[in-house]
Amino acid sequence: MSDAGENGTAEGTATDGSPDEAYDPERSAAEAAAELPEEITEAVPDWDDEYLNRVSDRLMYNYDLERDRRINGERWAMYGEMRVLNQKQFFHPALNYAGHEAEEYLFVRQEPRPTVSELRRLVGVGHEVADERIVADEEHFGTDVTFVLVSEELSDEVAALVSGFRERELLKFGYYGHYDVNLVVVDPDGERIVASEAADVAAAFTLWEDVTEPDEGLLSRIARRFWR
């Protein structure tokens, strides 16, 4: 039991005995970015929106990011691609077999008041993107098409739709893998977020939470989901 101070409140301590420190997302991002090679950080665009800039600080480790990308006639403030190759090998790296590819296409934009109808429309867009981009063969394992709407208001109807949403399509009965269409709606000012079941990237948009994990990073979690 800790001793109380003069004003009757106890000072918290961390497990190593040092005083507790509040999580500072800007400092955490700056410290992480300092460890990256300059060619990576210089390739990341700058956004006029502070929130998207800070999100990009988390995504740049695993995604190739672009700004103001038009896809199927629609403008997206942020666009990202990630590819993962899982390849088994014998005792020598040259003897590879059973290579499988997984990828994610990420679309992010501001949408002050998202609606259920708009989200359902984006699901249809997601299927179009998958049809256009997936090379369905034995090497394809999984593709994610993820839409993130940054909102000013998150209604109960939208939250109910997104939180229970899962849209997975098997390609040739799963022989050519599968793809998922994912939805995320985030209200940064209200510190609220809802994400569909397979939208692991949602963690990068919760700037008010510390998502750093010593044993497993964002890429590891995503890769693990691709191969399960």
C-alpha atoms as a PDB file:
ATOM      1  CA  MET A   1       0.000   0.000   0.000  1.00  0.00           C
ATOM      2  CA  SER A   2       1.518   3.315  -1.047  1.00  0.00           C
ATOM      3  CA  ASP A   3       1.865   6.281   1.300  1.00  0.00           C
ATOM      4  CA  ALA A   4      -0.313   9.304   0.593  1.00  0.00           C
ATOM      5  CA  GLY A   5       1.231  12.723   0.078  1.00  0.00           C
ATOM      6  CA  GLU A   6       0.482  15.792   2.122  1.00  0.00           C
ATOM      7  CA  ASN A   7      -2.760  16.463   0.263  1.00  0.00           C
ATOM      8  CA  GLY A   8      -3.979  12.910   0.820  1.00  0.00           C
ATOM      9  CA  THR A   9      -3.383  11.562  -2.711  1.00  0.00           C
ATOM     10  CA  ALA A  10      -0.924   8.832  -3.593  1.00  0.00           C
ATOM     11  CA  GLU A  11       1.622   9.234  -6.369  1.00  0.00           C
ATOM     12  CA  GLY A  12       1.528   6.435  -8.954  1.00  0.00           C
ATOM     13  CA  THR A  13       4.633   4.524  -9.893  1.00  0.00           C
ATOM     14  CA  ALA A  14       5.445   2.310 -12.817  1.00  0.00           C
ATOM     15  CA  THR A  15       6.389  -1.326 -12.379  1.00  0.00           C
ATOM     16  CA  ASP A  16      10.082  -0.388 -12.427  1.00  0.00           C
ATOM     17  CA  GLY A  17       9.596   2.098  -9.596  1.00  0.00           C
ATOM     18  CA  SER A  18       9.693   5.225 -11.753  1.00  0.00           C
ATOM     19  CA  PRO A  19       6.801   7.716 -11.774  1.00  0.00           C
ATOM     20  CA  ASP A  20       3.951   7.035 -14.220  1.00  0.00           C
ATOM     21  CA  GLU A  21       4.141   9.060 -17.417  1.00  0.00           C
ATOM     22  CA  ALA A  22       1.099   9.955 -19.474  1.00  0.00           C
ATOM     23  CA  TYR A  23       1.204   8.667 -23.041  1.00  0.00           C
ATOM     24  CA  ASP A  24       2.314  11.416 -25.422  1.00  0.00           C
ATOM     25  CA  PRO A  25       1.454  10.377 -29.027  1.00  0.00           C
ATOM     26  CA  GLU A  26       3.508  13.140 -30.662  1.00  0.00           C
ATOM     27  CA  ARG A  27       6.631  12.306 -28.677  1.00  0.00           C
ATOM     28  CA  SER A  28       6.130   8.577 -29.296  1.00  0.00           C
ATOM     29  CA  ALA A  29       5.811   9.136 -33.068  1.00  0.00           C
ATOM     30  CA  ALA A  30       8.872  11.397 -33.139  1.00  0.00           C
ATOM     31  CA  GLU A  31      10.995   8.866 -31.266  1.00  0.00           C
ATOM     32  CA  ALA A  32       9.901   6.036 -33.576  1.00  0.00           C
ATOM     33  CA  ALA A  33      10.458   8.094 -36.738  1.00  0.00           C
ATOM     34  CA  ALA A  34      13.975   8.982 -35.599  1.00  0.00           C
ATOM     35  CA  GLU A  35      14.906   5.320 -35.925  1.00  0.00           C
ATOM     36  CA  LEU A  36      13.876   5.120 -39.602  1.00  0.00           C
ATOM     37  CA  PRO A  37      16.236   5.747 -42.541  1.00  0.00           C
ATOM     38  CA  GLU A  38      15.848   9.195 -44.101  1.00  0.00           C
ATOM     39  CA  GLU A  39      14.844   7.764 -47.478  1.00  0.00           C
ATOM     40  CA  ILE A  40      11.713   6.302 -45.869  1.00  0.00           C
ATOM     41  CA  THR A  41      10.631   9.374 -43.921  1.00  0.00           C
ATOM     42  CA  GLU A  42      11.335  11.699 -46.850  1.00  0.00           C
ATOM     43  CA  ALA A  43       9.106   9.603 -49.124  1.00  0.00           C
ATOM     44  CA  VAL A  44       6.075  10.108 -46.866  1.00  0.00           C
ATOM     45  CA  PRO A  45       3.859  13.010 -48.029  1.00  0.00           C
ATOM     46  CA  ASP A  46       2.707  15.829 -45.765  1.00  0.00           C
ATOM     47  CA  TRP A  47      -0.998  16.418 -45.239  1.00  0.00           C
ATOM     48  CA  ASP A  48      -2.618  19.769 -44.478  1.00  0.00           C
ATOM     49  CA  ASP A  49      -4.699  17.968 -41.872  1.00  0.00           C
ATOM     50  CA  GLU A  50      -2.823  17.466 -38.573  1.00  0.00           C
ATOM     51  CA  TYR A  51      -4.725  14.288 -37.719  1.00  0.00           C
ATOM     52  CA  LEU A  52      -3.848  12.594 -41.024  1.00  0.00           C
ATOM     53  CA  ASN A  53      -0.238  13.695 -40.640  1.00  0.00           C
ATOM     54  CA  ARG A  54      -0.011  11.997 -37.285  1.00  0.00           C
ATOM     55  CA  VAL A  55      -1.758   8.865 -38.592  1.00  0.00           C
ATOM     56  CA  SER A  56       0.785   8.702 -41.412  1.00  0.00           C
ATOM     57  CA  ASP A  57       3.527   8.647 -38.770  1.00  0.00           C
ATOM     58  CA  ARG A  58       2.126   5.292 -37.687  1.00  0.00           C
ATOM     59  CA  LEU A  59       1.334   3.877 -41.114  1.00  0.00           C
ATOM     60  CA  MET A  60       4.594   4.734 -42.881  1.00  0.00           C
ATOM     61  CA  TYR A  61       6.401   1.724 -41.391  1.00  0.00           C
ATOM     62  CA  ASN A  62       4.190  -0.735 -43.257  1.00  0.00           C
ATOM     63  CA  TYR A  63       2.421   1.155 -46.059  1.00  0.00           C
ATOM     64  CA  ASP A  64       3.416   3.040 -49.181  1.00  0.00           C
ATOM     65  CA  LEU A  65       1.419   6.244 -48.722  1.00  0.00           C
ATOM     66  CA  GLU A  66       0.100   8.815 -51.187  1.00  0.00           C
ATOM     67  CA  ARG A  67      -2.058  11.919 -50.814  1.00  0.00           C
ATOM     68  CA  ASP A  68      -4.965  13.133 -52.956  1.00  0.00           C
ATOM     69  CA  ARG A  69      -5.367   9.908 -54.911  1.00  0.00           C
ATOM     70  CA  ARG A  70      -8.362   9.428 -57.222  1.00  0.00           C
ATOM     71  CA  ILE A  71      -9.733   5.902 -57.378  1.00  0.00           C
ATOM     72  CA  ASN A  72     -12.740   5.014 -59.515  1.00  0.00           C
ATOM     73  CA  GLY A  73     -13.565   8.703 -59.896  1.00  0.00           C
ATOM     74  CA  GLU A  74     -13.440   9.459 -56.143  1.00  0.00           C
ATOM     75  CA  ARG A  75     -10.813  11.531 -54.346  1.00  0.00           C
ATOM     76  CA  TRP A  76      -9.191  10.121 -51.236  1.00  0.00           C
ATOM     77  CA  ALA A  77      -7.053  12.328 -49.009  1.00  0.00           C
ATOM     78  CA  MET A  78      -4.836   9.372 -48.084  1.00  0.00           C
ATOM     79  CA  TYR A  79      -4.123   6.192 -49.988  1.00  0.00           C
ATOM     80  CA  GLY A  80      -1.910   3.338 -48.876  1.00  0.00           C
ATOM     81  CA  GLU A  81      -0.714  -0.028 -50.139  1.00  0.00           C
ATOM     82  CA  MET A  82       0.863  -2.850 -48.214  1.00  0.00           C
ATOM     83  CA  ARG A  83       2.128  -6.162 -49.567  1.00  0.00           C
ATOM     84  CA  VAL A  84       3.275  -9.174 -47.617  1.00  0.00           C
ATOM     85  CA  LEU A  85       4.998 -12.212 -49.129  1.00  0.00           C
ATOM     86  CA  ASN A  86       5.048 -15.416 -47.101  1.00  0.00           C
ATOM     87  CA  GLN A  87       7.458 -17.919 -48.617  1.00  0.00           C
ATOM     88  CA  LYS A  88       8.521 -21.287 -47.291  1.00  0.00           C
ATOM     89  CA  GLN A  89      11.998 -22.553 -48.064  1.00  0.00           C
ATOM     90  CA  PHE A  90      14.223 -25.563 -47.582  1.00  0.00           C
ATOM     91  CA  PHE A  91      17.667 -25.297 -46.007  1.00  0.00           C
ATOM     92  CA  HIS A  92      18.864 -22.835 -48.656  1.00  0.00           C
ATOM     93  CA  PRO A  93      17.048 -19.558 -49.498  1.00  0.00           C
ATOM     94  CA  ALA A  94      17.280 -20.328 -53.218  1.00  0.00           C
ATOM     95  CA  LEU A  95      15.019 -23.348 -52.765  1.00  0.00           C
ATOM     96  CA  ASN A  96      11.716 -21.551 -52.246  1.00  0.00           C
ATOM     97  CA  TYR A  97       8.259 -23.048 -52.577  1.00  0.00           C
ATOM     98  CA  ALA A  98       4.662 -22.379 -51.575  1.00  0.00           C
ATOM     99  CA  GLY A  99       4.904 -18.606 -51.916  1.00  0.00           C
ATOM    100  CA  HIS A 100       1.734 -16.735 -50.945  1.00  0.00           C
ATOM    101  CA  GLU A 101       0.958 -13.044 -51.366  1.00  0.00           C
ATOM    102  CA  ALA A 102      -1.287 -10.824 -49.293  1.00  0.00           C
ATOM    103  CA  GLU A 103      -1.988  -7.147 -49.762  1.00  0.00           C
ATOM    104  CA  GLU A 104      -4.083  -4.292 -48.487  1.00  0.00           C
ATOM    105  CA  TYR A 105      -5.455  -1.217 -50.243  1.00  0.00           C
ATOM    106  CA  LEU A 106      -6.266   1.571 -47.802  1.00  0.00           C
ATOM    107  CA  PHE A 107      -8.528   4.543 -48.590  1.00  0.00           C
ATOM    108  CA  VAL A 108      -8.937   7.430 -46.123  1.00  0.00           C
ATOM    109  CA  ARG A 109     -10.922  10.657 -46.366  1.00  0.00           C
ATOM    110  CA  GLN A 110     -12.851  13.161 -44.254  1.00  0.00           C
ATOM    111  CA  GLU A 111     -16.600  12.586 -44.118  1.00  0.00           C
ATOM    112  CA  PRO A 112     -18.179  14.897 -41.497  1.00  0.00           C
ATOM    113  CA  ARG A 113     -21.366  12.836 -41.023  1.00  0.00           C
ATOM    114  CA  PRO A 114     -21.133   9.346 -42.497  1.00  0.00           C
ATOM    115  CA  THR A 115     -24.370   7.541 -43.266  1.00  0.00           C
ATOM    116  CA  VAL A 116     -25.321   3.900 -43.486  1.00  0.00           C
ATOM    117  CA  SER A 117     -26.162   4.285 -47.167  1.00  0.00           C
ATOM    118  CA  GLU A 118     -22.740   5.784 -47.928  1.00  0.00           C
ATOM    119  CA  LEU A 119     -20.981   2.950 -46.130  1.00  0.00           C
ATOM    120  CA  ARG A 120     -22.996   0.359 -48.017  1.00  0.00           C
ATOM    121  CA  ARG A 121     -22.067   2.106 -51.265  1.00  0.00           C
ATOM    122  CA  LEU A 122     -18.389   1.934 -50.322  1.00  0.00           C
ATOM    123  CA  VAL A 123     -18.720  -1.806 -49.804  1.00  0.00           C
ATOM    124  CA  GLY A 124     -19.745  -2.027 -53.446  1.00  0.00           C
ATOM    125  CA  VAL A 125     -16.747   0.100 -54.418  1.00  0.00           C
ATOM    126  CA  GLY A 126     -14.570  -2.285 -52.438  1.00  0.00           C
ATOM    127  CA  HIS A 127     -15.769  -5.231 -54.507  1.00  0.00           C
ATOM    128  CA  GLU A 128     -15.002  -3.267 -57.687  1.00  0.00           C
ATOM    129  CA  VAL A 129     -11.466  -2.512 -56.474  1.00  0.00           C
ATOM    130  CA  ALA A 130     -10.935  -6.178 -55.629  1.00  0.00           C
ATOM    131  CA  ASP A 131     -12.181  -7.302 -59.040  1.00  0.00           C
ATOM    132  CA  GLU A 132      -9.836  -4.851 -60.781  1.00  0.00           C
ATOM    133  CA  ARG A 133      -6.686  -5.492 -58.763  1.00  0.00           C
ATOM    134  CA  ILE A 134      -6.571  -9.054 -57.565  1.00  0.00           C
ATOM    135  CA  VAL A 135      -4.688 -11.535 -59.688  1.00  0.00           C
ATOM    136  CA  ALA A 136      -6.575 -14.679 -58.728  1.00  0.00           C
ATOM    137  CA  ASP A 137      -4.123 -17.562 -58.835  1.00  0.00           C
ATOM    138  CA  GLU A 138      -2.536 -20.137 -56.556  1.00  0.00           C
ATOM    139  CA  GLU A 139      -0.080 -17.576 -55.153  1.00  0.00           C
ATOM    140  CA  HIS A 140      -2.779 -15.178 -53.967  1.00  0.00           C
ATOM    141  CA  PHE A 141      -3.746 -15.708 -50.347  1.00  0.00           C
ATOM    142  CA  GLY A 142      -5.644 -12.636 -49.187  1.00  0.00           C
ATOM    143  CA  THR A 143      -6.431  -9.037 -50.049  1.00  0.00           C
ATOM    144  CA  ASP A 144      -7.970  -6.367 -47.832  1.00  0.00           C
ATOM    145  CA  VAL A 145      -9.769  -3.331 -49.223  1.00  0.00           C
ATOM    146  CA  THR A 146     -10.230  -0.934 -46.311  1.00  0.00           C
ATOM    147  CA  PHE A 147     -12.166   2.337 -46.191  1.00  0.00           C
ATOM    148  CA  VAL A 148     -11.615   4.779 -43.316  1.00  0.00           C
ATOM    149  CA  LEU A 149     -13.913   7.776 -42.868  1.00  0.00           C
ATOM    150  CA  VAL A 150     -12.708  10.520 -40.523  1.00  0.00           C
ATOM    151  CA  SER A 151     -15.861  12.063 -39.095  1.00  0.00           C
ATOM    152  CA  GLU A 152     -17.086  14.855 -36.885  1.00  0.00           C
ATOM    153  CA  GLU A 153     -20.072  12.832 -35.735  1.00  0.00           C
ATOM    154  CA  LEU A 154     -20.522   9.088 -35.271  1.00  0.00           C
ATOM    155  CA  SER A 155     -24.181   8.063 -35.154  1.00  0.00           C
ATOM    156  CA  ASP A 156     -25.516   4.975 -33.390  1.00  0.00           C
ATOM    157  CA  GLU A 157     -26.793   3.594 -36.708  1.00  0.00           C
ATOM    158  CA  VAL A 158     -23.345   3.838 -38.290  1.00  0.00           C
ATOM    159  CA  ALA A 159     -21.684   2.332 -35.218  1.00  0.00           C
ATOM    160  CA  ALA A 160     -24.112  -0.594 -35.241  1.00  0.00           C
ATOM    161  CA  LEU A 161     -23.478  -1.331 -38.917  1.00  0.00           C
ATOM    162  CA  VAL A 162     -19.696  -1.110 -38.783  1.00  0.00           C
ATOM    163  CA  SER A 163     -19.099  -2.929 -35.503  1.00  0.00           C
ATOM    164  CA  GLY A 164     -20.917  -6.031 -36.716  1.00  0.00           C
ATOM    165  CA  PHE A 165     -19.679  -5.926 -40.295  1.00  0.00           C
ATOM    166  CA  ARG A 166     -17.722  -8.677 -42.064  1.00  0.00           C
ATOM    167  CA  GLU A 167     -17.512  -9.011 -45.845  1.00  0.00           C
ATOM    168  CA  ARG A 168     -15.282 -11.828 -47.106  1.00  0.00           C
ATOM    169  CA  GLU A 169     -15.355 -13.350 -50.569  1.00  0.00           C
ATOM    170  CA  LEU A 170     -13.691 -16.661 -51.408  1.00  0.00           C
ATOM    171  CA  LEU A 171     -12.034 -16.846 -54.818  1.00  0.00           C
ATOM    172  CA  LYS A 172     -12.680 -20.123 -56.608  1.00  0.00           C
ATOM    173  CA  PHE A 173     -14.003 -21.620 -53.356  1.00  0.00           C
ATOM    174  CA  GLY A 174     -10.885 -20.447 -51.549  1.00  0.00           C
ATOM    175  CA  TYR A 175      -8.426 -22.147 -53.898  1.00  0.00           C
ATOM    176  CA  TYR A 176      -7.279 -18.698 -55.058  1.00  0.00           C
ATOM    177  CA  GLY A 177      -7.517 -17.193 -51.586  1.00  0.00           C
ATOM    178  CA  HIS A 178     -10.006 -14.573 -50.458  1.00  0.00           C
ATOM    179  CA  TYR A 179     -10.538 -10.864 -49.993  1.00  0.00           C
ATOM    180  CA  ASP A 180     -12.141  -8.737 -47.286  1.00  0.00           C
ATOM    181  CA  VAL A 181     -13.860  -5.374 -47.580  1.00  0.00           C
ATOM    182  CA  ASN A 182     -13.356  -3.466 -44.310  1.00  0.00           C
ATOM    183  CA  LEU A 183     -14.952  -0.348 -42.838  1.00  0.00           C
ATOM    184  CA  VAL A 184     -13.629   2.060 -40.200  1.00  0.00           C
ATOM    185  CA  VAL A 185     -15.255   5.257 -38.934  1.00  0.00           C
ATOM    186  CA  VAL A 186     -13.310   7.440 -36.509  1.00  0.00           C
ATOM    187  CA  ASP A 187     -14.245  10.599 -34.633  1.00  0.00           C
ATOM    188  CA  PRO A 188     -10.858  11.960 -33.489  1.00  0.00           C
ATOM    189  CA  ASP A 189     -12.252  14.854 -31.447  1.00  0.00           C
ATOM    190  CA  GLY A 190     -14.628  12.558 -29.583  1.00  0.00           C
ATOM    191  CA  GLU A 191     -11.970   9.829 -29.338  1.00  0.00           C
ATOM    192  CA  ARG A 192     -14.384   7.256 -30.753  1.00  0.00           C
ATOM    193  CA  ILE A 193     -13.785   4.610 -33.380  1.00  0.00           C
ATOM    194  CA  VAL A 194     -15.731   1.689 -34.801  1.00  0.00           C
ATOM    195  CA  ALA A 195     -14.179  -0.898 -37.085  1.00  0.00           C
ATOM    196  CA  SER A 196     -15.343  -4.029 -38.813  1.00  0.00           C
ATOM    197  CA  GLU A 197     -14.003  -7.356 -37.626  1.00  0.00           C
ATOM    198  CA  ALA A 198     -11.030  -7.685 -39.993  1.00  0.00           C
ATOM    199  CA  ALA A 199      -9.941  -4.013 -39.983  1.00  0.00           C
ATOM    200  CA  ASP A 200      -6.727  -4.354 -37.956  1.00  0.00           C
ATOM    201  CA  VAL A 201      -5.382  -1.075 -39.362  1.00  0.00           C
ATOM    202  CA  ALA A 202      -7.929   0.761 -37.196  1.00  0.00           C
ATOM    203  CA  ALA A 203      -5.394   0.758 -34.360  1.00  0.00           C
ATOM    204  CA  ALA A 204      -3.280   3.270 -36.281  1.00  0.00           C
ATOM    205  CA  PHE A 205      -6.132   5.791 -36.179  1.00  0.00           C
ATOM    206  CA  THR A 206      -6.568   5.763 -32.380  1.00  0.00           C
ATOM    207  CA  LEU A 207      -4.055   8.509 -31.696  1.00  0.00           C
ATOM    208  CA  TRP A 208      -5.330   8.857 -28.152  1.00  0.00           C
ATOM    209  CA  GLU A 209      -4.105   5.324 -27.353  1.00  0.00           C
ATOM    210  CA  ASP A 210      -0.614   3.857 -27.169  1.00  0.00           C
ATOM    211  CA  VAL A 211      -0.455   1.060 -29.739  1.00  0.00           C
ATOM    212  CA  THR A 212       3.242   0.313 -29.312  1.00  0.00           C
ATOM    213  CA  GLU A 213       3.821  -3.308 -28.365  1.00  0.00           C
ATOM    214  CA  PRO A 214       7.295  -4.607 -27.556  1.00  0.00           C
ATOM    215  CA  ASP A 215       6.695  -8.138 -28.817  1.00  0.00           C
ATOM    216  CA  GLU A 216       4.402  -7.569 -31.789  1.00  0.00           C
ATOM    217  CA  GLY A 217       3.933  -4.581 -34.038  1.00  0.00           C
ATOM    218  CA  LEU A 218       1.136  -3.550 -36.372  1.00  0.00           C
ATOM    219  CA  LEU A 219       2.707  -5.354 -39.333  1.00  0.00           C
ATOM    220  CA  SER A 220       3.053  -8.579 -37.348  1.00  0.00           C
ATOM    221  CA  ARG A 221      -0.608  -8.488 -36.320  1.00  0.00           C
ATOM    222  CA  ILE A 222      -1.737  -7.891 -39.895  1.00  0.00           C
ATOM    223  CA  ALA A 223       0.536 -10.571 -41.305  1.00  0.00           C
ATOM    224  CA  ARG A 224      -0.670 -13.052 -38.694  1.00  0.00           C
ATOM    225  CA  ARG A 225      -4.280 -12.408 -39.690  1.00  0.00           C
ATOM    226  CA  PHE A 226      -3.436 -12.937 -43.359  1.00  0.00           C
ATOM    227  CA  TRP A 227      -1.999 -16.367 -42.674  1.00  0.00           C
ATOM    228  CA  ARG A 228      -4.506 -17.684 -40.158  1.00  0.00           C
END
